[in-house]
Amino acid sequence: MSREALMAAVRDVVDFPKPGIVFKDITPILADGALFRESITLLCETAGGAKIDKVVGIDARGFIFAAAVADRLGAGFVPIRKKGKLPWKTRQTAYSLEYGEAIVELHLDAVKPGESILLVDDLLATGGTAAAAVKLLDELGANLVGISVLIELEFLSGRAKLAPHVVSAILGY
């Protein structure tokens, strides 16, 4: 199994969700047990052997990968969700989209100061959502070990918004 096999499984969907966008569809990876297992192995390797207390996943496809990575690393899983989806006291932050603004939130007690965190998502594009997640984690005093994504759309330069944090991408386009 290789990165090439993962890349070959990603399906391009033209003009989704709107004209001019080429959506990178990961569902073929999810549907293939060997490919999904390999994607989780590679994401786990981005932790570099560091002790991870919690893996934080970004709503919604990030949950799929982050929960599996957390299980494999023996860590807890924490969701960062869109506003209004978490049932308890939260900290939230807004971030810009090309057509407006969105808000993500995290339970106040989800991460304790000093805990080692691996932030995981399926895709890094412009970096807005990941930067908002990083802001929430920083505000709670987390030790962000790294940010790991299955796919990075390199031409959108989202990584720049996440400096000085270490960003690892399994596949780059």
Protein backbone atom coordinates (compact mmCIF):
# COMPACT_ATOMS: atom_id res chain seq x y z
CA MET A 1 0.00 0.00 0.00
CA SER A 2 1.31 3.47 -0.81
CA ARG A 3 0.51 7.15 -1.00
CA GLU A 4 0.11 6.61 -4.73
CA ALA A 5 -2.69 4.12 -4.09
CA LEU A 6 -4.40 6.62 -1.81
CA MET A 7 -4.01 9.40 -4.37
CA ALA A 8 -5.39 7.17 -7.13
CA ALA A 9 -8.49 6.49 -5.02
CA VAL A 10 -9.36 10.17 -4.50
CA ARG A 11 -12.12 11.07 -6.94
CA ASP A 12 -12.33 14.52 -8.53
CA VAL A 13 -15.88 15.86 -8.69
CA VAL A 14 -16.01 18.87 -11.01
CA ASP A 15 -18.21 21.87 -10.16
CA PHE A 16 -19.09 20.65 -6.66
CA PRO A 17 -20.36 22.25 -4.48
CA LYS A 18 -20.40 25.13 -6.96
CA PRO A 19 -19.09 25.91 -10.45
CA GLY A 20 -15.32 26.21 -10.69
CA ILE A 21 -14.56 23.95 -7.71
CA VAL A 22 -12.94 20.53 -8.14
CA PHE A 23 -13.98 18.63 -5.01
CA LYS A 24 -11.58 15.95 -3.73
CA ASP A 25 -13.89 13.06 -2.78
CA ILE A 26 -12.36 10.77 -0.14
CA THR A 27 -15.28 8.35 0.09
CA PRO A 28 -13.51 5.74 -2.10
CA ILE A 29 -10.72 5.64 0.52
CA LEU A 30 -13.25 5.25 3.32
CA ALA A 31 -15.01 2.43 1.46
CA ASP A 32 -11.84 0.39 1.00
CA GLY A 33 -10.66 -1.20 4.26
CA ALA A 34 -7.01 -1.44 3.22
CA LEU A 35 -6.86 2.15 1.98
CA PHE A 36 -8.63 3.50 5.05
CA ARG A 37 -6.29 1.56 7.33
CA GLU A 38 -3.27 2.90 5.41
CA SER A 39 -4.54 6.50 5.67
CA ILE A 40 -4.87 6.10 9.45
CA THR A 41 -1.40 4.55 9.71
CA LEU A 42 0.14 7.47 7.80
CA LEU A 43 -1.75 10.05 9.87
CA CYS A 44 -0.56 8.35 13.08
CA GLU A 45 3.03 8.51 11.83
CA THR A 46 2.78 12.30 11.63
CA ALA A 47 2.81 12.38 15.45
CA GLY A 48 6.46 11.36 15.17
CA GLY A 49 6.27 9.07 18.17
CA ALA A 50 5.22 11.91 20.50
CA LYS A 51 2.91 11.04 23.37
CA ILE A 52 -0.50 12.38 22.34
CA ASP A 53 -3.11 12.93 25.05
CA LYS A 54 -5.96 13.85 22.72
CA VAL A 55 -6.65 13.91 19.01
CA VAL A 56 -8.89 16.78 18.00
CA GLY A 57 -11.00 16.38 14.86
CA ILE A 58 -12.65 19.14 12.86
CA ASP A 59 -16.33 18.87 11.91
CA ALA A 60 -17.29 16.77 10.01
CA ARG A 61 -15.09 14.54 7.84
CA GLY A 62 -12.18 15.21 10.18
CA PHE A 63 -14.07 13.22 12.82
CA ILE A 64 -13.74 10.05 10.75
CA PHE A 65 -9.97 10.23 10.63
CA ALA A 66 -9.35 11.80 14.05
CA ALA A 67 -11.39 9.21 15.95
CA ALA A 68 -9.54 6.34 14.26
CA VAL A 69 -6.16 8.02 14.88
CA ALA A 70 -7.08 8.58 18.55
CA ASP A 71 -8.00 4.93 18.93
CA ARG A 72 -4.77 3.78 17.31
CA LEU A 73 -2.66 6.15 19.46
CA GLY A 74 -4.49 5.28 22.67
CA ALA A 75 -5.57 8.90 23.05
CA GLY A 76 -8.87 10.61 23.69
CA PHE A 77 -10.92 12.12 20.89
CA VAL A 78 -12.26 15.69 20.99
CA PRO A 79 -14.61 17.17 18.37
CA ILE A 80 -14.49 20.78 17.17
CA ARG A 81 -17.98 21.43 15.88
CA LYS A 82 -19.98 24.03 14.04
CA LYS A 83 -21.81 26.46 16.32
CA GLY A 84 -24.80 25.05 18.14
CA LYS A 85 -23.87 21.37 17.88
CA LEU A 86 -22.18 20.84 21.27
CA PRO A 87 -24.45 20.37 24.30
CA TRP A 88 -22.39 21.95 27.09
CA LYS A 89 -20.41 25.13 27.85
CA THR A 90 -18.20 26.05 24.92
CA ARG A 91 -15.53 28.41 23.72
CA GLN A 92 -16.08 29.58 20.17
CA THR A 93 -14.36 31.55 17.47
CA ALA A 94 -15.43 32.96 14.13
CA TYR A 95 -13.50 32.70 10.89
CA SER A 96 -13.93 34.03 7.38
CA LEU A 97 -15.22 32.12 4.41
CA GLU A 98 -15.14 33.37 0.83
CA TYR A 99 -18.85 34.15 1.13
CA GLY A 100 -19.23 35.12 4.80
CA GLU A 101 -18.35 33.87 8.25
CA ALA A 102 -18.62 30.63 10.20
CA ILE A 103 -18.20 29.77 13.87
CA VAL A 104 -16.67 26.67 15.42
CA GLU A 105 -16.68 25.69 19.05
CA LEU A 106 -15.12 23.36 21.57
CA HIS A 107 -16.25 22.25 25.03
CA LEU A 108 -14.50 24.28 27.74
CA ASP A 109 -13.29 21.15 29.51
CA ALA A 110 -12.31 19.18 26.39
CA VAL A 111 -8.61 20.03 26.60
CA LYS A 112 -6.65 20.77 29.74
CA PRO A 113 -3.68 23.17 29.81
CA GLY A 114 -0.49 21.43 28.73
CA GLU A 115 -2.14 18.38 27.16
CA SER A 116 -0.41 17.21 23.98
CA ILE A 117 -2.78 17.54 21.05
CA LEU A 118 -2.73 16.30 17.46
CA LEU A 119 -5.23 18.22 15.30
CA VAL A 120 -6.58 16.09 12.43
CA ASP A 121 -8.76 16.93 9.44
CA ASP A 122 -9.46 15.41 6.06
CA LEU A 123 -8.46 18.45 4.01
CA LEU A 124 -6.47 21.66 4.31
CA ALA A 125 -7.57 24.27 1.78
CA THR A 126 -7.39 27.99 2.66
CA GLY A 127 -6.62 27.21 6.31
CA GLY A 128 -9.46 29.24 7.84
CA THR A 129 -11.15 26.40 9.70
CA ALA A 130 -7.86 24.92 10.91
CA ALA A 131 -6.65 28.36 12.07
CA ALA A 132 -9.88 28.79 14.05
CA ALA A 133 -9.35 25.35 15.63
CA VAL A 134 -5.76 26.27 16.51
CA LYS A 135 -6.97 29.50 18.11
CA LEU A 136 -9.43 27.58 20.31
CA LEU A 137 -6.77 25.09 21.35
CA ASP A 138 -4.27 27.86 22.12
CA GLU A 139 -6.88 29.66 24.24
CA LEU A 140 -7.34 26.48 26.31
CA GLY A 141 -3.57 26.15 26.83
CA ALA A 142 -3.07 23.04 24.71
CA ASN A 143 0.36 21.87 23.60
CA LEU A 144 -0.31 21.50 19.88
CA VAL A 145 2.14 18.83 18.70
CA GLY A 146 1.02 19.07 15.08
CA ILE A 147 -1.70 19.47 12.50
CA SER A 148 -2.23 16.46 10.26
CA VAL A 149 -4.42 16.24 7.18
CA LEU A 150 -5.07 13.58 4.60
CA ILE A 151 -5.13 16.08 1.70
CA GLU A 152 -3.61 19.52 1.28
CA LEU A 153 -4.61 21.77 -1.60
CA GLU A 154 -1.15 23.32 -1.75
CA PHE A 155 -2.05 26.00 -4.30
CA LEU A 156 -4.36 27.64 -1.73
CA SER A 157 -1.48 28.22 0.75
CA GLY A 158 -3.56 27.37 3.83
CA ARG A 159 -0.44 26.15 5.62
CA ALA A 160 0.76 29.77 5.90
CA LYS A 161 -2.16 30.61 8.23
CA LEU A 162 -1.05 27.87 10.62
CA ALA A 163 2.57 28.95 11.19
CA PRO A 164 4.51 28.32 13.35
CA HIS A 165 2.73 25.00 13.93
CA VAL A 166 3.97 21.85 12.19
CA VAL A 167 1.61 20.80 9.38
CA SER A 168 1.78 17.31 7.87
CA ALA A 169 -0.17 16.31 4.76
CA ILE A 170 -0.35 12.76 3.45
CA LEU A 171 -1.39 13.83 -0.08
CA GLY A 172 -0.73 17.14 -1.80
CA TYR A 173 -2.42 18.63 -4.84
